[in-house]
N, C-alpha and C. Protein backbone atom coordinates (compact mmCIF):
# COMPACT_ATOMS: atom_id res chain seq x y z
N MET A 1 0.84 -1.19 0.00
CA MET A 1 0.00 0.00 0.00
C MET A 1 0.88 1.24 0.00
N SER A 2 0.57 2.15 -0.90
CA SER A 2 1.37 3.36 -0.99
C SER A 2 1.01 4.31 0.14
N ASN A 3 1.98 5.12 0.49
CA ASN A 3 1.80 6.08 1.58
C ASN A 3 1.92 7.48 1.00
N ASN A 4 0.79 8.01 0.54
CA ASN A 4 0.80 9.34 -0.06
C ASN A 4 -0.27 10.20 0.57
N ILE A 5 -0.39 11.42 0.10
CA ILE A 5 -1.31 12.39 0.68
C ILE A 5 -2.76 11.92 0.59
N LEU A 6 -3.13 11.36 -0.56
CA LEU A 6 -4.52 10.96 -0.76
C LEU A 6 -4.91 9.79 0.15
N THR A 7 -4.03 8.80 0.27
CA THR A 7 -4.38 7.66 1.12
C THR A 7 -4.28 8.02 2.60
N GLN A 8 -3.37 8.90 2.97
CA GLN A 8 -3.26 9.31 4.37
C GLN A 8 -4.52 10.04 4.83
N ASN A 9 -5.09 10.87 3.97
CA ASN A 9 -6.27 11.64 4.33
C ASN A 9 -7.56 10.97 3.91
N ASP A 10 -7.47 9.74 3.41
CA ASP A 10 -8.63 8.93 3.01
C ASP A 10 -9.48 9.68 1.97
N ILE A 11 -8.80 10.23 0.96
CA ILE A 11 -9.48 10.93 -0.13
C ILE A 11 -9.61 9.95 -1.28
N ARG A 12 -10.85 9.62 -1.63
CA ARG A 12 -11.08 8.66 -2.70
C ARG A 12 -11.41 9.33 -4.01
N HIS A 13 -12.01 10.54 -3.95
CA HIS A 13 -12.36 11.27 -5.17
C HIS A 13 -11.66 12.63 -5.13
N VAL A 14 -10.90 12.92 -6.16
CA VAL A 14 -10.20 14.20 -6.26
C VAL A 14 -11.13 15.17 -6.96
N ASP A 15 -11.51 16.25 -6.27
CA ASP A 15 -12.44 17.21 -6.81
C ASP A 15 -11.68 18.40 -7.37
N TYR A 16 -12.07 18.88 -8.54
CA TYR A 16 -11.37 20.01 -9.16
C TYR A 16 -11.59 21.30 -8.39
N LYS A 17 -12.61 21.37 -7.54
CA LYS A 17 -12.87 22.58 -6.76
C LYS A 17 -12.01 22.67 -5.50
N ASP A 18 -11.35 21.58 -5.14
CA ASP A 18 -10.48 21.56 -3.96
C ASP A 18 -9.10 22.07 -4.35
N VAL A 19 -8.99 23.38 -4.48
CA VAL A 19 -7.78 24.00 -5.00
C VAL A 19 -6.60 23.82 -4.05
N ASP A 20 -6.85 23.83 -2.75
CA ASP A 20 -5.75 23.67 -1.79
C ASP A 20 -5.08 22.30 -1.93
N LEU A 21 -5.87 21.28 -2.17
CA LEU A 21 -5.30 19.94 -2.38
C LEU A 21 -4.54 19.89 -3.70
N LEU A 22 -5.09 20.46 -4.74
CA LEU A 22 -4.46 20.39 -6.05
C LEU A 22 -3.15 21.18 -6.11
N LYS A 23 -3.05 22.24 -5.33
CA LYS A 23 -1.82 23.04 -5.32
C LYS A 23 -0.64 22.23 -4.80
N GLN A 24 -0.89 21.18 -4.04
CA GLN A 24 0.19 20.34 -3.53
C GLN A 24 0.81 19.50 -4.64
N PHE A 25 0.11 19.34 -5.75
CA PHE A 25 0.59 18.53 -6.86
C PHE A 25 1.09 19.38 -8.02
N ILE A 26 1.32 20.67 -7.77
CA ILE A 26 1.82 21.58 -8.79
C ILE A 26 3.13 22.19 -8.30
N ASN A 27 4.14 22.21 -9.18
CA ASN A 27 5.43 22.78 -8.78
C ASN A 27 5.37 24.31 -8.90
N PRO A 28 6.41 25.01 -8.47
CA PRO A 28 6.37 26.48 -8.49
C PRO A 28 6.17 27.09 -9.87
N HIS A 29 6.48 26.36 -10.93
CA HIS A 29 6.29 26.88 -12.29
C HIS A 29 4.88 26.63 -12.80
N GLY A 30 4.07 25.89 -12.06
CA GLY A 30 2.70 25.61 -12.46
C GLY A 30 2.52 24.29 -13.16
N ARG A 31 3.56 23.48 -13.21
CA ARG A 31 3.46 22.19 -13.89
C ARG A 31 2.98 21.12 -12.91
N ILE A 32 2.35 20.10 -13.45
CA ILE A 32 1.88 18.98 -12.62
C ILE A 32 3.08 18.11 -12.25
N VAL A 33 3.18 17.76 -10.97
CA VAL A 33 4.30 16.98 -10.47
C VAL A 33 4.15 15.53 -10.94
N SER A 34 5.27 14.88 -11.25
CA SER A 34 5.24 13.51 -11.75
C SER A 34 4.93 12.52 -10.62
N ARG A 35 4.64 11.30 -11.01
CA ARG A 35 4.34 10.25 -10.02
C ARG A 35 5.53 9.96 -9.12
N ASN A 36 6.74 10.09 -9.67
CA ASN A 36 7.93 9.83 -8.85
C ASN A 36 8.02 10.81 -7.69
N ARG A 37 7.65 12.06 -7.92
CA ARG A 37 7.72 13.08 -6.88
C ARG A 37 6.52 13.02 -5.95
N SER A 38 5.34 12.76 -6.50
CA SER A 38 4.13 12.81 -5.68
C SER A 38 3.89 11.52 -4.91
N GLY A 39 4.36 10.39 -5.44
CA GLY A 39 4.15 9.12 -4.76
C GLY A 39 2.76 8.54 -4.94
N LEU A 40 2.03 9.02 -5.94
CA LEU A 40 0.67 8.54 -6.17
C LEU A 40 0.69 7.26 -6.99
N THR A 41 -0.42 6.53 -6.92
CA THR A 41 -0.59 5.39 -7.81
C THR A 41 -0.97 5.92 -9.19
N ALA A 42 -0.95 5.05 -10.19
CA ALA A 42 -1.27 5.49 -11.55
C ALA A 42 -2.71 5.99 -11.64
N LYS A 43 -3.61 5.31 -10.98
CA LYS A 43 -5.02 5.72 -11.00
C LYS A 43 -5.21 7.07 -10.32
N GLN A 44 -4.54 7.26 -9.18
CA GLN A 44 -4.65 8.53 -8.46
C GLN A 44 -4.01 9.66 -9.28
N GLN A 45 -2.89 9.37 -9.95
CA GLN A 45 -2.21 10.39 -10.75
C GLN A 45 -3.10 10.85 -11.90
N ARG A 46 -3.79 9.91 -12.54
CA ARG A 46 -4.70 10.28 -13.63
C ARG A 46 -5.84 11.14 -13.11
N ALA A 47 -6.35 10.82 -11.93
CA ALA A 47 -7.44 11.61 -11.35
C ALA A 47 -6.96 13.01 -11.00
N VAL A 48 -5.75 13.13 -10.45
CA VAL A 48 -5.20 14.43 -10.10
C VAL A 48 -4.95 15.25 -11.36
N GLU A 49 -4.40 14.63 -12.41
CA GLU A 49 -4.15 15.35 -13.65
C GLU A 49 -5.44 15.87 -14.25
N ALA A 50 -6.48 15.05 -14.27
CA ALA A 50 -7.76 15.47 -14.82
C ALA A 50 -8.35 16.62 -14.00
N ALA A 51 -8.23 16.54 -12.67
CA ALA A 51 -8.77 17.59 -11.81
C ALA A 51 -8.01 18.90 -11.99
N VAL A 52 -6.69 18.82 -12.11
CA VAL A 52 -5.89 20.03 -12.31
C VAL A 52 -6.23 20.67 -13.64
N LYS A 53 -6.35 19.87 -14.69
CA LYS A 53 -6.68 20.42 -16.00
C LYS A 53 -8.07 21.04 -16.00
N ARG A 54 -9.01 20.42 -15.33
CA ARG A 54 -10.37 20.96 -15.25
C ARG A 54 -10.37 22.26 -14.44
N ALA A 55 -9.61 22.30 -13.34
CA ALA A 55 -9.54 23.50 -12.52
C ALA A 55 -8.88 24.65 -13.29
N ARG A 56 -7.89 24.33 -14.11
CA ARG A 56 -7.27 25.36 -14.94
C ARG A 56 -8.28 25.92 -15.93
N PHE A 57 -9.04 25.03 -16.57
CA PHE A 57 -10.01 25.45 -17.57
C PHE A 57 -11.10 26.33 -16.94
N MET A 58 -11.50 25.99 -15.71
CA MET A 58 -12.53 26.76 -15.02
C MET A 58 -11.99 28.05 -14.41
N GLY A 59 -10.67 28.25 -14.45
CA GLY A 59 -10.08 29.48 -13.95
C GLY A 59 -9.73 29.45 -12.47
N LEU A 60 -9.74 28.28 -11.86
CA LEU A 60 -9.42 28.17 -10.44
C LEU A 60 -7.92 28.06 -10.19
N LEU A 61 -7.18 27.54 -11.18
CA LEU A 61 -5.73 27.42 -11.09
C LEU A 61 -5.12 28.08 -12.33
N PRO A 62 -3.93 28.66 -12.18
CA PRO A 62 -3.29 29.25 -13.36
C PRO A 62 -2.63 28.17 -14.22
N TYR A 63 -2.49 28.45 -15.50
CA TYR A 63 -1.79 27.54 -16.38
C TYR A 63 -0.28 27.59 -16.14
N ILE A 64 0.26 28.81 -15.95
CA ILE A 64 1.68 28.97 -15.66
C ILE A 64 1.82 29.98 -14.52
N GLN A 65 2.95 29.88 -13.83
CA GLN A 65 3.25 30.83 -12.76
C GLN A 65 4.67 31.34 -12.99
N LYS A 66 4.88 32.60 -12.69
CA LYS A 66 6.22 33.17 -12.90
C LYS A 66 6.94 33.32 -11.60
């Protein structure tokens, strides 16, 4: 069993409106962190990527940061 943020907090569904959670998976440049850095499973990583992209599209997260 992996020991990551989602399993520690018992988060089963990643919501695009939970910006504080999603910011933990974005590096200072605004890019999505890889699985090696985040420690997520493949299924969790896909859910996080989809949520981040949806949040960006809705204007909740920036596409890039300077």
